[in-house]
Amino acid sequence: MKFTINRARFIQELQTVQRAISTKTTIPILTGVKIELNNDGLNLTGSNADISIETFLVADDEKAELQIIKTGTIVLQARFFSEIIRRLPEKTFTLEVQENLQVLITSGAAQFTVNGLDADNYPHLPIVEEQNQLKLPVHMLTKLIGETVFSVSQHESRPILTGVHFTMSNGELLAVATDSHRLSQRVVPVENANKDFDIVIPGKSLVELSRSLSDEEAEVEISIMENQVMFKTPTMYFYSRLLEGNYPDTNRLIPTSFNTEITFSVPTLLSAIERASLLSHEGRNNIVRLAIGDNSVILYGNSPEIGKVEEELVYEKVNGDPLEISFNPDYMKDALRAFGDMSIKVQFISAIRPFTLEPSEGEVSFIQLITPVRTN
């Protein structure tokens, strides 16, 4: 195998597949990146136990300046290899596989010889039957991930909660994540789904997927197999394993009637919560308190070791019963950031029941739910 390529363009592709390469793997060859050159272009593959990413760089990509001299495949130690490519002196480099899997990398006056591995020993990626296909605009998928993935559980004690639950039925795609202290739920209408499905995708996979998707305009095709899901764009295949087990029925957790409702502008509320949490973070228990009266809404942050903060909040409207409620400000900040610049209504039942945040206007079906903290 031998080719010459633009270094910056190659690094771009390498960075994408490196998201799937882990140094902590029981299969040594998976610490490497698989490089495959054929007459159509260059394919790079990275994989670990959970995700696999394959990118395609077509031969006529102008920025790549790819010159194919001889086709072939090789696996190279990913971390070491990418450090070499980053530090090469010229804007292009040549890679050549020689005898005994020795690989020669040249750029200007710099010349490296590194040991490669036989690509035949690299595990095969899953074969995808074209089934359960669903197409979504990339920007919609990344938004859906951004609105839910922060609520997945970080604890392996209940593995199913470390993923986002996606269900497709009646032309609607529902995404839910919960760690049992908070919940994020988003519903989007989808026109071209072939089939209903019910799957749980690991949160970590979704974070890497949204980092790997760049072209805002493109569509992504989703195919589901028995224990894998594949996201396909014109330049990339992204595979993730699915979590096994039944996701809890989260529908029943979302209240339908409330005693107190208050409408805020998200940026205004977010900056007040950020101020209040400056002190609560320093304390042993990270809690802020919200007191809703007939004509005032006050936010309190308190840390006995440091001091306290009190702020009268600007709100758009309030109605219902007076209420005092305490909650984790970090949960609130994550939830608010997912809404962006808009007005939301926050609805409460009582000081000990979960409360919800929703857009105050429009048809967007998006809910965040937070469980309060009980205080004496």
Protein backbone atom coordinates (compact mmCIF):
# COMPACT_ATOMS: atom_id res chain seq x y z
CA MET A 1 0.00 0.00 0.00
CA LYS A 2 1.22 3.48 -0.79
CA PHE A 3 -0.47 6.90 -0.91
CA THR A 4 0.19 10.61 -0.46
CA ILE A 5 -2.37 12.82 1.26
CA ASN A 6 -2.98 16.27 2.75
CA ARG A 7 -2.02 16.08 6.43
CA ALA A 8 -4.76 18.38 7.84
CA ARG A 9 -7.53 16.54 5.98
CA PHE A 10 -6.19 13.16 7.12
CA ILE A 11 -5.98 14.31 10.76
CA GLN A 12 -9.65 15.35 10.55
CA GLU A 13 -10.67 11.80 9.62
CA LEU A 14 -8.28 10.27 12.14
CA GLN A 15 -9.75 12.37 14.97
CA THR A 16 -13.23 11.08 14.17
CA VAL A 17 -12.31 7.39 14.31
CA GLN A 18 -10.11 7.91 17.38
CA ARG A 19 -13.28 8.63 19.38
CA ALA A 20 -13.92 4.88 19.21
CA ILE A 21 -10.39 3.76 20.10
CA SER A 22 -9.63 2.98 23.73
CA THR A 23 -6.25 2.31 25.29
CA LYS A 24 -7.99 0.06 27.84
CA THR A 25 -9.00 -2.87 25.68
CA THR A 26 -8.49 -6.59 26.16
CA ILE A 27 -8.00 -7.00 22.38
CA PRO A 28 -4.59 -5.44 21.57
CA ILE A 29 -5.32 -4.82 17.86
CA LEU A 30 -8.23 -2.53 18.85
CA THR A 31 -5.76 0.05 20.17
CA GLY A 32 -4.93 0.53 16.50
CA VAL A 33 -6.57 2.33 13.59
CA LYS A 34 -7.32 0.29 10.49
CA ILE A 35 -6.35 2.02 7.23
CA GLU A 36 -7.77 0.63 4.02
CA LEU A 37 -6.98 2.08 0.61
CA ASN A 38 -8.89 1.08 -2.51
CA ASN A 39 -9.49 2.78 -5.84
CA ASP A 40 -12.54 4.62 -4.47
CA GLY A 41 -10.57 6.27 -1.67
CA LEU A 42 -9.36 5.84 1.89
CA ASN A 43 -11.31 4.22 4.74
CA LEU A 44 -10.29 4.54 8.39
CA THR A 45 -11.79 2.40 11.16
CA GLY A 46 -11.62 2.61 14.95
CA SER A 47 -13.43 0.36 17.40
CA ASN A 48 -13.84 -0.64 21.05
CA ALA A 49 -16.33 -2.94 22.75
CA ASP A 50 -19.13 -0.38 22.57
CA ILE A 51 -18.73 1.69 19.44
CA SER A 52 -17.10 1.41 16.01
CA ILE A 53 -16.56 4.27 13.58
CA GLU A 54 -15.63 3.95 9.93
CA THR A 55 -14.98 7.05 7.81
CA PHE A 56 -14.70 7.35 4.02
CA LEU A 57 -12.48 9.80 2.24
CA VAL A 58 -13.34 9.66 -1.46
CA ALA A 59 -10.56 9.75 -4.02
CA ASP A 60 -11.85 12.95 -5.62
CA ASP A 61 -12.05 14.98 -2.37
CA GLU A 62 -10.16 18.11 -3.46
CA LYS A 63 -8.95 19.08 0.00
CA ALA A 64 -7.48 15.62 0.56
CA GLU A 65 -5.12 15.79 -2.44
CA LEU A 66 -5.11 11.99 -2.30
CA GLN A 67 -2.72 10.22 -4.67
CA ILE A 68 -3.32 6.47 -4.74
CA ILE A 69 -0.12 4.68 -5.74
CA LYS A 70 -0.91 1.16 -4.49
CA THR A 71 -4.00 -0.16 -2.69
CA GLY A 72 -3.91 -2.28 0.49
CA THR A 73 -4.65 -2.36 4.24
CA ILE A 74 -2.73 -2.01 7.51
CA VAL A 75 -3.41 -1.43 11.21
CA LEU A 76 -1.28 1.14 13.08
CA GLN A 77 -1.03 1.98 16.78
CA ALA A 78 -3.51 4.89 16.91
CA ARG A 79 -2.17 7.17 19.64
CA PHE A 80 1.44 6.97 18.51
CA PHE A 81 0.55 7.24 14.82
CA SER A 82 -1.59 10.35 15.28
CA GLU A 83 1.21 12.06 17.27
CA ILE A 84 3.61 11.40 14.38
CA ILE A 85 1.20 12.78 11.74
CA ARG A 86 0.51 15.92 13.82
CA ARG A 87 4.20 16.73 14.08
CA LEU A 88 5.22 16.16 10.46
CA PRO A 89 6.83 19.24 8.85
CA GLU A 90 5.08 19.49 5.46
CA LYS A 91 1.42 19.89 4.55
CA THR A 92 1.35 16.47 2.83
CA PHE A 93 2.86 13.12 3.75
CA THR A 94 3.38 9.74 2.11
CA LEU A 95 2.59 6.42 3.78
CA GLU A 96 4.01 3.19 2.38
CA VAL A 97 3.65 -0.36 3.69
CA GLN A 98 6.88 -2.28 3.12
CA GLU A 99 7.93 -5.87 3.82
CA ASN A 100 7.09 -7.50 7.17
CA LEU A 101 4.34 -4.91 7.85
CA GLN A 102 6.91 -2.13 8.28
CA VAL A 103 5.35 1.24 7.49
CA LEU A 104 7.35 4.15 6.13
CA ILE A 105 5.95 7.65 6.76
CA THR A 106 7.72 10.52 4.99
CA SER A 107 7.08 14.26 4.94
CA GLY A 108 9.75 16.69 3.80
CA ALA A 109 13.01 15.75 5.48
CA ALA A 110 11.28 13.70 8.23
CA GLN A 111 11.11 9.94 7.89
CA PHE A 112 9.55 7.46 10.34
CA THR A 113 9.49 3.67 10.14
CA VAL A 114 6.90 2.07 12.43
CA ASN A 115 5.63 -1.46 12.92
CA GLY A 116 2.15 -2.21 11.56
CA LEU A 117 -0.26 -5.04 12.34
CA ASP A 118 -1.96 -7.41 9.94
CA ALA A 119 -5.40 -5.99 9.05
CA ASP A 120 -6.76 -9.55 8.58
CA ASN A 121 -6.74 -9.89 12.37
CA TYR A 122 -8.91 -6.80 12.83
CA PRO A 123 -12.46 -7.73 13.93
CA HIS A 124 -15.15 -7.39 11.26
CA LEU A 125 -17.79 -4.72 11.70
CA PRO A 126 -21.41 -5.90 11.96
CA ILE A 127 -23.23 -6.52 8.69
CA VAL A 128 -26.31 -4.34 8.52
CA GLU A 129 -29.41 -5.61 6.85
CA GLU A 130 -31.29 -2.62 5.49
CA GLN A 131 -34.09 -2.76 8.02
CA ASN A 132 -35.81 -0.45 10.51
CA GLN A 133 -34.51 2.45 8.54
CA LEU A 134 -35.21 5.92 9.70
CA LYS A 135 -33.85 9.15 8.28
CA LEU A 136 -33.33 12.25 10.40
CA PRO A 137 -31.66 15.58 9.64
CA VAL A 138 -28.30 15.69 11.44
CA HIS A 139 -29.20 18.90 13.30
CA MET A 140 -32.38 17.27 14.64
CA LEU A 141 -30.50 14.21 15.90
CA THR A 142 -27.75 16.23 17.60
CA LYS A 143 -30.40 18.49 19.21
CA LEU A 144 -32.31 15.43 20.44
CA ILE A 145 -29.12 14.03 21.99
CA GLY A 146 -28.23 17.41 23.54
CA GLU A 147 -31.69 17.73 25.10
CA THR A 148 -31.65 14.34 26.82
CA VAL A 149 -28.24 12.68 27.22
CA PHE A 150 -27.14 14.68 30.29
CA SER A 151 -29.88 12.97 32.34
CA VAL A 152 -28.55 9.42 31.89
CA SER A 153 -27.25 7.72 35.01
CA GLN A 154 -23.48 7.70 35.62
CA HIS A 155 -23.74 4.61 37.82
CA GLU A 156 -23.46 1.07 36.51
CA SER A 157 -25.69 -0.28 39.31
CA ARG A 158 -28.65 0.01 36.91
CA PRO A 159 -26.99 -0.32 33.49
CA ILE A 160 -30.21 0.32 31.53
CA LEU A 161 -30.39 3.87 32.95
CA THR A 162 -26.94 4.71 31.50
CA GLY A 163 -28.63 4.90 28.09
CA VAL A 164 -31.25 6.98 26.30
CA HIS A 165 -34.51 5.16 25.54
CA PHE A 166 -35.68 5.70 21.94
CA THR A 167 -39.11 4.50 20.84
CA MET A 168 -40.75 4.97 17.49
CA SER A 169 -44.53 4.68 17.18
CA ASN A 170 -47.39 6.46 15.38
CA GLY A 171 -44.95 8.60 13.38
CA GLU A 172 -43.30 10.00 16.53
CA LEU A 173 -39.81 9.45 17.85
CA LEU A 174 -39.64 9.65 21.64
CA ALA A 175 -36.31 10.01 23.49
CA VAL A 176 -36.17 9.67 27.28
CA ALA A 177 -33.28 9.69 29.75
CA THR A 178 -33.43 9.45 33.54
CA ASP A 179 -31.06 8.75 36.42
CA SER A 180 -34.06 8.45 38.81
CA HIS A 181 -33.41 11.98 40.22
CA ARG A 182 -34.27 13.83 37.01
CA LEU A 183 -35.75 13.05 33.61
CA SER A 184 -35.53 14.54 30.11
CA GLN A 185 -38.12 13.70 27.47
CA ARG A 186 -38.36 14.94 23.90
CA VAL A 187 -40.79 13.91 21.14
CA VAL A 188 -40.21 14.73 17.46
CA PRO A 189 -42.52 13.92 14.54
CA VAL A 190 -40.87 11.72 11.89
CA GLU A 191 -42.29 11.26 8.41
CA ASN A 192 -40.40 8.36 6.90
CA ALA A 193 -40.06 5.64 9.53
CA ASN A 194 -40.48 2.13 8.12
CA LYS A 195 -41.12 0.39 11.38
CA ASP A 196 -41.73 0.92 15.07
CA PHE A 197 -38.85 0.16 17.45
CA ASP A 198 -37.88 0.29 21.12
CA ILE A 199 -34.15 0.53 21.87
CA VAL A 200 -31.76 1.89 24.52
CA ILE A 201 -28.48 3.43 23.27
CA PRO A 202 -25.62 4.01 25.76
CA GLY A 203 -25.28 7.69 26.67
CA LYS A 204 -21.52 7.57 26.07
CA SER A 205 -22.09 6.35 22.49
CA LEU A 206 -24.52 9.21 21.81
CA VAL A 207 -22.07 11.82 23.14
CA GLU A 208 -19.37 10.51 20.75
CA LEU A 209 -21.89 10.31 17.91
CA SER A 210 -22.92 13.95 18.25
CA ARG A 211 -19.25 14.99 18.34
CA SER A 212 -18.62 12.99 15.17
CA LEU A 213 -21.51 14.47 13.17
CA SER A 214 -20.37 17.68 11.55
CA ASP A 215 -22.33 18.47 8.41
CA GLU A 216 -25.36 20.37 9.70
CA GLU A 217 -27.35 19.97 6.51
CA ALA A 218 -26.89 16.25 5.92
CA GLU A 219 -29.30 13.52 6.85
CA VAL A 220 -28.36 10.54 8.95
CA GLU A 221 -29.81 7.08 8.28
CA ILE A 222 -30.50 4.91 11.30
CA SER A 223 -30.54 1.11 10.99
CA ILE A 224 -31.28 -1.19 13.90
CA MET A 225 -30.10 -4.76 14.25
CA GLU A 226 -30.51 -7.23 17.07
CA ASN A 227 -28.00 -5.70 19.48
CA GLN A 228 -26.51 -2.89 17.38
CA VAL A 229 -27.59 0.38 15.87
CA MET A 230 -25.85 2.04 12.94
CA PHE A 231 -25.89 5.74 12.04
CA LYS A 232 -24.89 6.30 8.44
CA THR A 233 -23.91 9.54 6.70
CA PRO A 234 -22.30 9.88 3.26
CA THR A 235 -18.82 9.93 4.86
CA MET A 236 -19.21 7.80 8.00
CA TYR A 237 -20.67 4.65 9.57
CA PHE A 238 -21.10 4.88 13.34
CA TYR A 239 -22.03 1.63 15.15
CA SER A 240 -23.07 1.34 18.78
CA ARG A 241 -24.08 -1.64 20.84
CA LEU A 242 -27.56 -1.47 22.40
CA LEU A 243 -28.24 -1.93 26.11
CA GLU A 244 -30.16 -5.06 27.04
CA GLY A 245 -33.15 -5.09 29.36
CA ASN A 246 -36.43 -3.27 29.81
CA TYR A 247 -36.39 0.48 30.31
CA PRO A 248 -38.70 1.57 33.15
CA ASP A 249 -42.10 3.02 32.24
CA THR A 250 -41.30 6.72 32.61
CA ASN A 251 -44.69 7.96 31.43
CA ARG A 252 -46.24 7.50 34.83
CA LEU A 253 -43.54 9.71 36.43
CA ILE A 254 -44.67 12.83 34.60
CA PRO A 255 -47.41 14.65 36.55
CA THR A 256 -50.47 15.99 34.72
CA SER A 257 -51.92 18.40 37.32
CA PHE A 258 -50.15 21.12 39.29
CA ASN A 259 -50.81 23.58 42.13
CA THR A 260 -48.29 26.31 41.28
CA GLU A 261 -47.04 27.56 37.90
CA ILE A 262 -44.48 30.22 37.11
CA THR A 263 -43.12 31.48 33.77
CA PHE A 264 -39.49 32.57 33.37
CA SER A 265 -37.16 33.67 30.61
CA VAL A 266 -34.51 30.91 30.49
CA PRO A 267 -31.37 33.14 30.29
CA THR A 268 -32.55 35.25 33.25
CA LEU A 269 -33.33 32.25 35.46
CA LEU A 270 -30.17 30.42 34.42
CA SER A 271 -27.87 33.28 35.41
CA ALA A 272 -29.63 33.60 38.79
CA ILE A 273 -29.22 29.85 39.46
CA GLU A 274 -25.55 30.10 38.46
CA ARG A 275 -25.06 32.91 41.01
CA ALA A 276 -26.86 31.01 43.77
CA SER A 277 -24.87 27.84 43.11
CA LEU A 278 -21.55 29.65 43.57
CA LEU A 279 -22.06 29.30 47.30
CA SER A 280 -24.02 26.04 47.41
CA HIS A 281 -21.14 24.29 45.59
CA GLU A 282 -18.77 25.19 48.38
CA GLY A 283 -20.99 23.61 51.01
CA ARG A 284 -21.41 20.00 52.00
CA ASN A 285 -24.87 19.75 50.49
CA ASN A 286 -25.35 21.32 47.09
CA ILE A 287 -28.89 22.76 47.43
CA VAL A 288 -30.67 26.00 46.53
CA ARG A 289 -34.11 27.01 47.77
CA LEU A 290 -36.89 28.69 45.84
CA ALA A 291 -39.64 30.55 47.71
CA ILE A 292 -42.72 31.45 45.66
CA GLY A 293 -45.06 33.94 47.36
CA ASP A 294 -48.10 35.89 46.17
CA ASN A 295 -46.06 38.72 44.72
CA SER A 296 -42.40 37.73 45.01
CA VAL A 297 -40.17 34.83 43.97
CA ILE A 298 -36.89 34.54 45.89
CA LEU A 299 -33.93 32.22 45.33
CA TYR A 300 -31.65 31.37 48.27
CA GLY A 301 -28.21 29.78 48.22
CA ASN A 302 -26.55 28.95 51.52
CA SER A 303 -23.27 27.44 52.63
CA PRO A 304 -22.72 27.61 56.41
CA GLU A 305 -18.94 27.55 55.84
CA ILE A 306 -18.89 30.41 53.32
CA GLY A 307 -22.01 32.56 53.49
CA LYS A 308 -25.36 32.97 51.80
CA VAL A 309 -26.96 34.58 48.76
CA GLU A 310 -30.50 35.81 48.27
CA GLU A 311 -31.96 37.12 45.02
CA GLU A 312 -35.43 38.27 44.04
CA LEU A 313 -36.14 36.67 40.66
CA VAL A 314 -37.58 38.37 37.62
CA TYR A 315 -40.49 36.30 36.31
CA GLU A 316 -43.12 36.72 33.61
CA LYS A 317 -46.15 35.45 35.50
CA VAL A 318 -47.02 33.30 38.48
CA ASN A 319 -50.22 31.67 39.69
CA GLY A 320 -51.31 29.06 42.22
CA ASP A 321 -50.35 28.27 45.81
CA PRO A 322 -47.34 29.73 47.65
CA LEU A 323 -44.50 27.20 47.87
CA GLU A 324 -40.98 26.65 49.17
CA ILE A 325 -38.92 23.98 47.44
CA SER A 326 -35.23 22.95 47.50
CA PHE A 327 -33.34 21.33 44.62
CA ASN A 328 -29.91 20.57 43.19
CA PRO A 329 -28.87 23.64 41.15
CA ASP A 330 -26.71 21.56 38.79
CA TYR A 331 -29.78 19.60 37.65
CA MET A 332 -31.60 22.87 37.10
CA LYS A 333 -28.70 24.39 35.10
CA ASP A 334 -28.46 21.31 32.82
CA ALA A 335 -32.21 21.41 32.21
CA LEU A 336 -32.27 25.14 31.45
CA ARG A 337 -29.31 24.95 29.05
CA ALA A 338 -31.20 22.33 27.05
CA PHE A 339 -33.98 24.85 26.35
CA GLY A 340 -31.80 27.67 25.03
CA ASP A 341 -33.16 31.19 24.70
CA MET A 342 -36.91 30.94 25.29
CA SER A 343 -39.63 31.26 27.91
CA ILE A 344 -40.50 28.22 30.00
CA LYS A 345 -43.16 27.38 32.53
CA VAL A 346 -42.07 25.63 35.72
CA GLN A 347 -44.90 23.67 37.34
CA PHE A 348 -45.00 22.42 40.93
CA ILE A 349 -47.30 20.14 42.94
CA SER A 350 -45.68 20.40 46.39
CA ALA A 351 -42.30 20.75 48.11
CA ILE A 352 -41.65 17.00 47.97
CA ARG A 353 -43.03 16.07 44.54
CA PRO A 354 -41.05 16.30 41.25
CA PHE A 355 -41.56 19.51 39.27
CA THR A 356 -41.47 20.01 35.50
CA LEU A 357 -40.04 22.52 33.04
CA GLU A 358 -41.62 22.96 29.59
CA PRO A 359 -41.60 25.59 26.83
CA SER A 360 -44.36 28.11 27.65
CA GLU A 361 -45.45 28.52 24.02
CA GLY A 362 -45.47 26.62 20.76
CA GLU A 363 -46.02 23.01 19.88
CA VAL A 364 -42.64 21.64 20.97
CA SER A 365 -43.04 18.49 23.04
CA PHE A 366 -40.13 18.76 25.47
CA ILE A 367 -40.21 18.15 29.21
CA GLN A 368 -37.57 18.22 31.94
CA LEU A 369 -38.47 16.80 35.35
CA ILE A 370 -36.47 17.33 38.55
CA THR A 371 -36.93 15.67 41.94
CA PRO A 372 -36.63 18.14 44.82
CA VAL A 373 -34.32 17.65 47.80
CA ARG A 374 -36.08 17.13 51.12
CA THR A 375 -34.85 19.50 53.81
CA ASN A 376 -35.80 19.56 57.46
